[in-house]
């Protein structure tokens, strides 16, 4: 695995203070509150691909997910 601690911290910083609408995730019928400190995965990957290798991104996101930092 090509986990990068720097990349992991970058991902967490990107999410901090952001919101994702529950309606965007679950559909228009959902009345759940927005998710705090969250970003859609495609947004994270879109920005990271400019500065990091694909395998490093995938491995770091996998690590953060398995450790409970990403859902």
Protein backbone atom coordinates (compact mmCIF):
# COMPACT_ATOMS: atom_id res chain seq x y z
CA UNK A 1 0.00 0.00 0.00
CA UNK A 2 1.17 3.50 -0.84
CA UNK A 3 -0.45 5.35 2.06
CA UNK A 4 0.69 8.94 2.43
CA UNK A 5 0.24 10.59 5.82
CA UNK A 6 0.48 13.99 4.12
CA UNK A 7 -2.32 13.01 1.73
CA UNK A 8 -4.48 11.69 4.59
CA UNK A 9 -4.20 15.01 6.43
CA UNK A 10 -4.94 16.89 3.20
CA UNK A 11 -8.16 14.91 2.72
CA UNK A 12 -9.30 15.57 6.29
CA UNK A 13 -8.50 19.30 5.95
CA UNK A 14 -10.50 19.48 2.70
CA UNK A 15 -13.56 18.01 4.42
CA UNK A 16 -13.39 20.19 7.51
CA UNK A 17 -16.11 22.82 7.54
CA UNK A 18 -17.84 21.50 4.38
CA UNK A 19 -21.40 20.17 4.17
CA UNK A 20 -23.11 17.62 1.95
CA UNK A 21 -26.88 17.70 1.62
CA UNK A 22 -28.59 14.49 2.72
CA UNK A 23 -31.00 15.01 -0.19
CA UNK A 24 -28.04 14.84 -2.59
CA UNK A 25 -26.99 11.52 -1.08
CA UNK A 26 -30.35 9.87 -0.40
CA UNK A 27 -32.76 11.58 -2.79
CA UNK A 28 -35.43 14.26 -2.63
CA UNK A 29 -37.61 12.32 -0.18
CA UNK A 30 -34.96 12.56 2.55
CA UNK A 31 -35.37 15.14 5.32
CA UNK A 32 -32.19 14.24 7.22
CA UNK A 33 -29.87 17.12 8.13
CA UNK A 34 -26.80 17.85 6.04
CA UNK A 35 -23.64 15.91 6.80
CA UNK A 36 -21.05 18.14 8.46
CA UNK A 37 -17.33 17.99 7.60
CA UNK A 38 -18.04 16.08 4.41
CA UNK A 39 -17.35 16.18 0.69
CA UNK A 40 -18.46 13.86 -2.10
CA UNK A 41 -15.73 11.39 -3.02
CA UNK A 42 -15.57 12.59 -6.63
CA UNK A 43 -14.79 16.13 -5.43
CA UNK A 44 -11.91 14.88 -3.28
CA UNK A 45 -10.50 12.74 -6.06
CA UNK A 46 -10.89 15.49 -8.66
CA UNK A 47 -8.68 17.83 -6.64
CA UNK A 48 -6.17 15.22 -5.44
CA UNK A 49 -5.46 13.78 -8.89
CA UNK A 50 -3.65 16.99 -9.81
CA UNK A 51 -1.03 16.50 -7.09
CA UNK A 52 -0.85 12.79 -6.24
CA UNK A 53 -0.51 9.43 -7.99
CA UNK A 54 -3.67 7.38 -8.51
CA UNK A 55 -2.51 4.45 -6.38
CA UNK A 56 -1.50 6.75 -3.54
CA UNK A 57 -4.94 8.41 -3.60
CA UNK A 58 -6.78 5.09 -3.66
CA UNK A 59 -4.66 3.57 -0.88
CA UNK A 60 -4.93 6.63 1.36
CA UNK A 61 -8.70 6.92 0.92
CA UNK A 62 -9.06 3.18 1.59
CA UNK A 63 -7.00 3.57 4.78
CA UNK A 64 -9.09 6.53 5.99
CA UNK A 65 -12.32 4.64 5.24
CA UNK A 66 -11.24 1.48 7.07
CA UNK A 67 -10.06 3.51 10.08
CA UNK A 68 -13.48 5.20 10.28
CA UNK A 69 -12.55 8.71 9.11
CA UNK A 70 -14.51 8.46 5.85
CA UNK A 71 -17.93 6.96 5.17
